């Protein structure tokens, strides 16, 4: 998962930034890089993301594992796109032709994807999920969406534990998965039971929250405070985004 509570345990400069500043800058970076398409600005954005990752002092091995899953999908694109995209042929591999445009497209897509993921890990994963929800509320994100985000993160782990418990019970009873109807039927029963148990848990949690006076909004006595370092970080970061935009769209200089 991109959001990992263990990443929020730190005392780096990035960890101490105001959550609203981190959420806003991560959003602006992701939007701009997703619509960029030139090599130099994307490479500059990648260096910027690596610089912030270094400043956050996150465990490199854990970060690489998070990036591995996305890059496995990117690897599939490297296998197919250079051979299927039309353009200037660079080399021939048997009856297949590798095109320059296909390789460039895959390269830019790899740089773009990893830059956005690194920024999201660096800026959003360095704060607790509940703090991120409060930061979303500060930007007037509807409370229902914020609550759905918080509850989803909280109970996905609980559902996973329930799935492991049910699967272990099946294995203790001698279940061994095979490619037959018995296996398919058993997994269907497992999914059905998981849905039923998840529904029962949701009903219990909802009743408990109603008994405690929950009315659709979480309250917190702590307040966000924007310091001078937060403003300085935001200004420098936005200037970097402006530089990337000027390299991407030089016509902006003449407007």
Protein backbone atom coordinates (compact mmCIF):
# COMPACT_ATOMS: atom_id res chain seq x y z
CA UNK A 1 0.00 0.00 0.00
CA UNK A 2 1.16 3.57 -0.65
CA UNK A 3 -0.23 4.81 2.69
CA UNK A 4 1.63 3.09 5.49
CA UNK A 5 1.35 4.16 9.12
CA UNK A 6 4.96 3.13 9.75
CA UNK A 7 6.12 5.90 7.41
CA UNK A 8 4.43 8.48 9.63
CA UNK A 9 6.81 7.64 12.48
CA UNK A 10 9.69 10.00 11.94
CA UNK A 11 11.11 13.38 12.81
CA UNK A 12 12.43 14.62 9.50
CA UNK A 13 11.73 17.99 7.92
CA UNK A 14 9.05 16.40 5.76
CA UNK A 15 7.32 14.81 8.76
CA UNK A 16 7.07 18.18 10.51
CA UNK A 17 5.42 19.97 7.59
CA UNK A 18 1.78 21.02 7.93
CA UNK A 19 -0.46 18.20 6.61
CA UNK A 20 -2.49 20.63 4.50
CA UNK A 21 0.66 21.89 2.79
CA UNK A 22 1.79 18.34 2.04
CA UNK A 23 -1.60 17.30 0.71
CA UNK A 24 -1.88 20.39 -1.51
CA UNK A 25 1.63 20.14 -2.95
CA UNK A 26 1.25 16.40 -3.59
CA UNK A 27 -2.01 17.06 -5.46
CA UNK A 28 -0.53 19.87 -7.58
CA UNK A 29 2.54 17.78 -8.43
CA UNK A 30 0.48 14.74 -9.40
CA UNK A 31 -1.84 16.74 -11.66
CA UNK A 32 0.97 18.58 -13.45
CA UNK A 33 3.18 15.53 -13.98
CA UNK A 34 0.24 13.42 -15.19
CA UNK A 35 -0.33 15.84 -18.09
CA UNK A 36 3.35 16.40 -18.89
CA UNK A 37 4.91 14.59 -21.82
CA UNK A 38 8.48 15.80 -22.36
CA UNK A 39 11.60 14.04 -21.17
CA UNK A 40 13.49 16.92 -19.56
CA UNK A 41 10.70 18.29 -17.31
CA UNK A 42 9.74 14.75 -16.28
CA UNK A 43 13.35 13.94 -15.43
CA UNK A 44 13.54 17.14 -13.37
CA UNK A 45 10.34 16.12 -11.57
CA UNK A 46 11.83 12.70 -10.87
CA UNK A 47 14.92 14.31 -9.32
CA UNK A 48 12.66 16.54 -7.23
CA UNK A 49 10.74 13.54 -5.92
CA UNK A 50 13.99 11.70 -5.07
CA UNK A 51 15.27 14.79 -3.23
CA UNK A 52 12.16 14.94 -1.05
CA UNK A 53 12.31 11.19 -0.45
CA UNK A 54 15.89 11.57 0.77
CA UNK A 55 14.86 14.47 3.02
CA UNK A 56 12.08 12.34 4.54
CA UNK A 57 14.61 9.65 5.55
CA UNK A 58 12.20 6.80 4.86
CA UNK A 59 13.45 3.19 4.82
CA UNK A 60 14.62 2.71 1.25
CA UNK A 61 13.93 -1.01 1.15
CA UNK A 62 10.29 -0.56 2.18
CA UNK A 63 9.81 2.23 -0.35
CA UNK A 64 11.27 0.06 -3.11
CA UNK A 65 8.85 -2.74 -2.23
CA UNK A 66 5.96 -0.28 -2.54
CA UNK A 67 7.21 0.82 -5.96
CA UNK A 68 7.82 -2.75 -7.12
CA UNK A 69 4.13 -3.58 -7.57
CA UNK A 70 3.49 -0.60 -9.85
CA UNK A 71 6.65 -1.22 -11.84
CA UNK A 72 5.66 -4.84 -12.48
CA UNK A 73 2.73 -3.45 -14.46
CA UNK A 74 5.04 -0.98 -16.19
CA UNK A 75 7.27 -3.92 -17.14
CA UNK A 76 4.39 -5.43 -19.10
CA UNK A 77 4.14 -2.20 -21.08
CA UNK A 78 7.86 -2.38 -21.87
CA UNK A 79 7.32 -5.87 -23.25
CA UNK A 80 4.48 -4.96 -25.62
CA UNK A 81 4.41 -1.23 -26.47
CA UNK A 82 7.85 -0.90 -28.16
CA UNK A 83 6.78 -3.64 -30.60
CA UNK A 84 3.27 -2.36 -31.29
CA UNK A 85 3.57 1.44 -31.44
CA UNK A 86 4.13 2.80 -34.93
CA UNK A 87 7.21 4.91 -35.59
CA UNK A 88 10.86 4.85 -36.56
CA UNK A 89 12.31 1.34 -36.36
CA UNK A 90 15.48 1.01 -34.29
CA UNK A 91 16.14 -2.73 -34.25
CA UNK A 92 14.50 -5.93 -35.43
CA UNK A 93 13.96 -8.93 -33.16
CA UNK A 94 12.92 -11.72 -35.45
CA UNK A 95 9.78 -10.52 -37.25
CA UNK A 96 9.16 -7.81 -34.63
CA UNK A 97 10.36 -4.22 -34.87
CA UNK A 98 11.25 -2.05 -31.89
CA UNK A 99 10.28 1.56 -32.54
CA UNK A 100 11.89 4.69 -31.15
CA UNK A 101 8.50 6.17 -30.28
CA UNK A 102 7.51 3.04 -28.35
CA UNK A 103 10.68 3.09 -26.25
CA UNK A 104 10.34 6.81 -25.56
CA UNK A 105 6.71 6.38 -24.54
CA UNK A 106 7.59 3.60 -22.09
CA UNK A 107 10.48 5.59 -20.67
CA UNK A 108 8.35 8.68 -20.08
CA UNK A 109 5.57 6.60 -18.57
CA UNK A 110 8.04 4.92 -16.20
CA UNK A 111 9.52 8.25 -15.07
CA UNK A 112 6.08 9.81 -14.69
CA UNK A 113 4.61 6.93 -12.69
CA UNK A 114 7.53 6.62 -10.30
CA UNK A 115 7.75 10.38 -9.75
CA UNK A 116 4.09 10.58 -8.72
CA UNK A 117 4.29 7.49 -6.53
CA UNK A 118 7.43 8.71 -4.76
CA UNK A 119 5.86 12.10 -4.07
CA UNK A 120 2.69 10.45 -2.73
CA UNK A 121 4.73 8.18 -0.49
CA UNK A 122 6.91 11.05 0.71
CA UNK A 123 4.23 13.65 1.37
CA UNK A 124 1.08 11.69 2.21
CA UNK A 125 2.45 8.57 3.88
CA UNK A 126 4.46 10.65 6.35
CA UNK A 127 1.28 11.59 8.21
CA UNK A 128 -1.28 9.34 9.93
CA UNK A 129 -4.37 8.44 7.93
CA UNK A 130 -6.66 10.21 10.39
CA UNK A 131 -4.54 13.38 10.03
CA UNK A 132 -4.85 13.10 6.26
CA UNK A 133 -8.62 12.88 6.65
CA UNK A 134 -8.62 16.07 8.70
CA UNK A 135 -6.47 17.76 6.06
CA UNK A 136 -8.97 16.69 3.40
CA UNK A 137 -11.77 18.22 5.50
CA UNK A 138 -9.78 21.47 5.64
CA UNK A 139 -10.08 21.64 1.83
CA UNK A 140 -13.85 21.18 2.08
CA UNK A 141 -13.86 17.58 0.89
CA UNK A 142 -17.34 16.18 1.76
CA UNK A 143 -17.42 14.52 5.17
CA UNK A 144 -18.92 11.33 3.73
CA UNK A 145 -15.91 10.87 1.44
CA UNK A 146 -13.51 11.58 4.31
CA UNK A 147 -15.29 9.09 6.58
CA UNK A 148 -15.36 6.48 3.81
CA UNK A 149 -11.62 6.95 3.31
CA UNK A 150 -10.85 6.57 7.04
CA UNK A 151 -13.15 3.60 7.61
CA UNK A 152 -11.92 1.82 4.48
CA UNK A 153 -8.32 2.06 5.63
CA UNK A 154 -9.22 1.04 9.16
CA UNK A 155 -11.25 -2.06 8.30
CA UNK A 156 -9.48 -3.42 5.23
CA UNK A 157 -6.91 -4.83 7.64
CA UNK A 158 -9.67 -6.33 9.82
CA UNK A 159 -11.29 -7.96 6.79
CA UNK A 160 -7.91 -9.35 5.71
CA UNK A 161 -7.41 -10.92 9.13
CA UNK A 162 -10.89 -12.46 8.93
CA UNK A 163 -10.08 -13.86 5.48
CA UNK A 164 -6.85 -15.45 6.79
CA UNK A 165 -8.73 -16.96 9.75
CA UNK A 166 -11.39 -18.51 7.50
CA UNK A 167 -8.77 -19.81 5.07
CA UNK A 168 -6.76 -21.39 7.87
CA UNK A 169 -9.93 -23.08 9.15
CA UNK A 170 -10.48 -24.56 5.67
CA UNK A 171 -6.89 -25.84 5.50
CA UNK A 172 -7.13 -27.41 8.96
CA UNK A 173 -10.15 -29.35 7.68
CA UNK A 174 -8.03 -30.75 4.84
CA UNK A 175 -8.87 -28.30 2.04
CA UNK A 176 -6.27 -28.17 -0.73
CA UNK A 177 -6.95 -25.89 -3.70
CA UNK A 178 -7.13 -27.58 -7.10
CA UNK A 179 -8.61 -26.81 -10.51
CA UNK A 180 -11.97 -28.46 -9.93
CA UNK A 181 -15.54 -27.50 -9.05
CA UNK A 182 -15.04 -28.33 -5.37
CA UNK A 183 -12.28 -25.71 -5.11
CA UNK A 184 -14.33 -23.08 -6.95
CA UNK A 185 -17.36 -23.81 -4.77
CA UNK A 186 -15.25 -23.63 -1.60
CA UNK A 187 -13.79 -20.26 -2.54
CA UNK A 188 -17.30 -19.00 -3.38
CA UNK A 189 -18.43 -20.05 0.11
CA UNK A 190 -15.36 -18.32 1.55
CA UNK A 191 -16.13 -15.04 -0.22
CA UNK A 192 -19.80 -15.26 0.76
CA UNK A 193 -18.95 -15.89 4.42
CA UNK A 194 -16.47 -13.01 4.35
CA UNK A 195 -19.17 -10.66 3.04
CA UNK A 196 -21.61 -11.81 5.72
CA UNK A 197 -19.07 -11.38 8.52
CA UNK A 198 -18.05 -7.97 7.15
CA UNK A 199 -21.68 -6.88 7.13
CA UNK A 200 -22.18 -8.09 10.71
CA UNK A 201 -19.06 -6.24 11.84
CA UNK A 202 -20.22 -3.05 10.09
CA UNK A 203 -23.60 -3.28 11.86
CA UNK A 204 -21.91 -3.71 15.25
CA UNK A 205 -19.50 -0.84 14.67
CA UNK A 206 -22.30 1.43 13.45
CA UNK A 207 -24.45 0.64 16.50
CA UNK A 208 -21.51 1.26 18.83
CA UNK A 209 -20.79 4.62 17.19
CA UNK A 210 -24.45 5.67 17.41
CA UNK A 211 -24.46 4.77 21.11
CA UNK A 212 -21.45 7.05 21.56
CA UNK A 213 -23.20 9.98 19.86
CA UNK A 214 -21.55 9.83 16.44
CA UNK A 215 -23.31 12.20 14.00
CA UNK A 216 -21.23 11.82 10.86
CA UNK A 217 -18.21 13.93 11.84
CA UNK A 218 -15.03 13.22 13.77
CA UNK A 219 -13.91 15.93 16.17
CA UNK A 220 -10.34 16.63 17.18
CA UNK A 221 -9.08 19.17 19.70
CA UNK A 222 -5.71 19.61 17.97
CA UNK A 223 -5.37 22.35 15.37
CA UNK A 224 -3.13 22.71 12.36
CA UNK A 225 -0.60 25.55 12.43
CA UNK A 226 1.24 26.82 9.38
CA UNK A 227 4.78 27.90 10.22
CA UNK A 228 7.29 29.94 8.25
CA UNK A 229 9.06 26.75 7.14
CA UNK A 230 5.76 25.47 5.70
CA UNK A 231 5.34 28.62 3.61
CA UNK A 232 8.97 28.46 2.49
CA UNK A 233 8.59 24.82 1.43
CA UNK A 234 5.37 25.56 -0.46
CA UNK A 235 6.89 28.55 -2.26
CA UNK A 236 10.01 26.61 -3.33
CA UNK A 237 7.92 23.61 -4.39
CA UNK A 238 5.54 25.76 -6.44
CA UNK A 239 8.50 27.48 -8.11
CA UNK A 240 9.79 24.04 -9.09
CA UNK A 241 6.37 23.21 -10.54
CA UNK A 242 6.40 26.48 -12.48
CA UNK A 243 9.85 25.63 -13.87
CA UNK A 244 8.58 22.19 -14.93
CA UNK A 245 5.57 23.81 -16.60
CA UNK A 246 7.79 26.28 -18.50
CA UNK A 247 9.99 23.45 -19.78
CA UNK A 248 6.90 21.45 -20.73
CA UNK A 249 5.03 24.33 -22.37
CA UNK A 250 7.56 27.01 -23.48
CA UNK A 251 4.72 29.03 -25.01
CA UNK A 252 3.79 30.11 -21.47
CA UNK A 253 6.87 32.37 -21.43
CA UNK A 254 5.35 34.55 -24.16
CA UNK A 255 1.89 34.86 -22.59
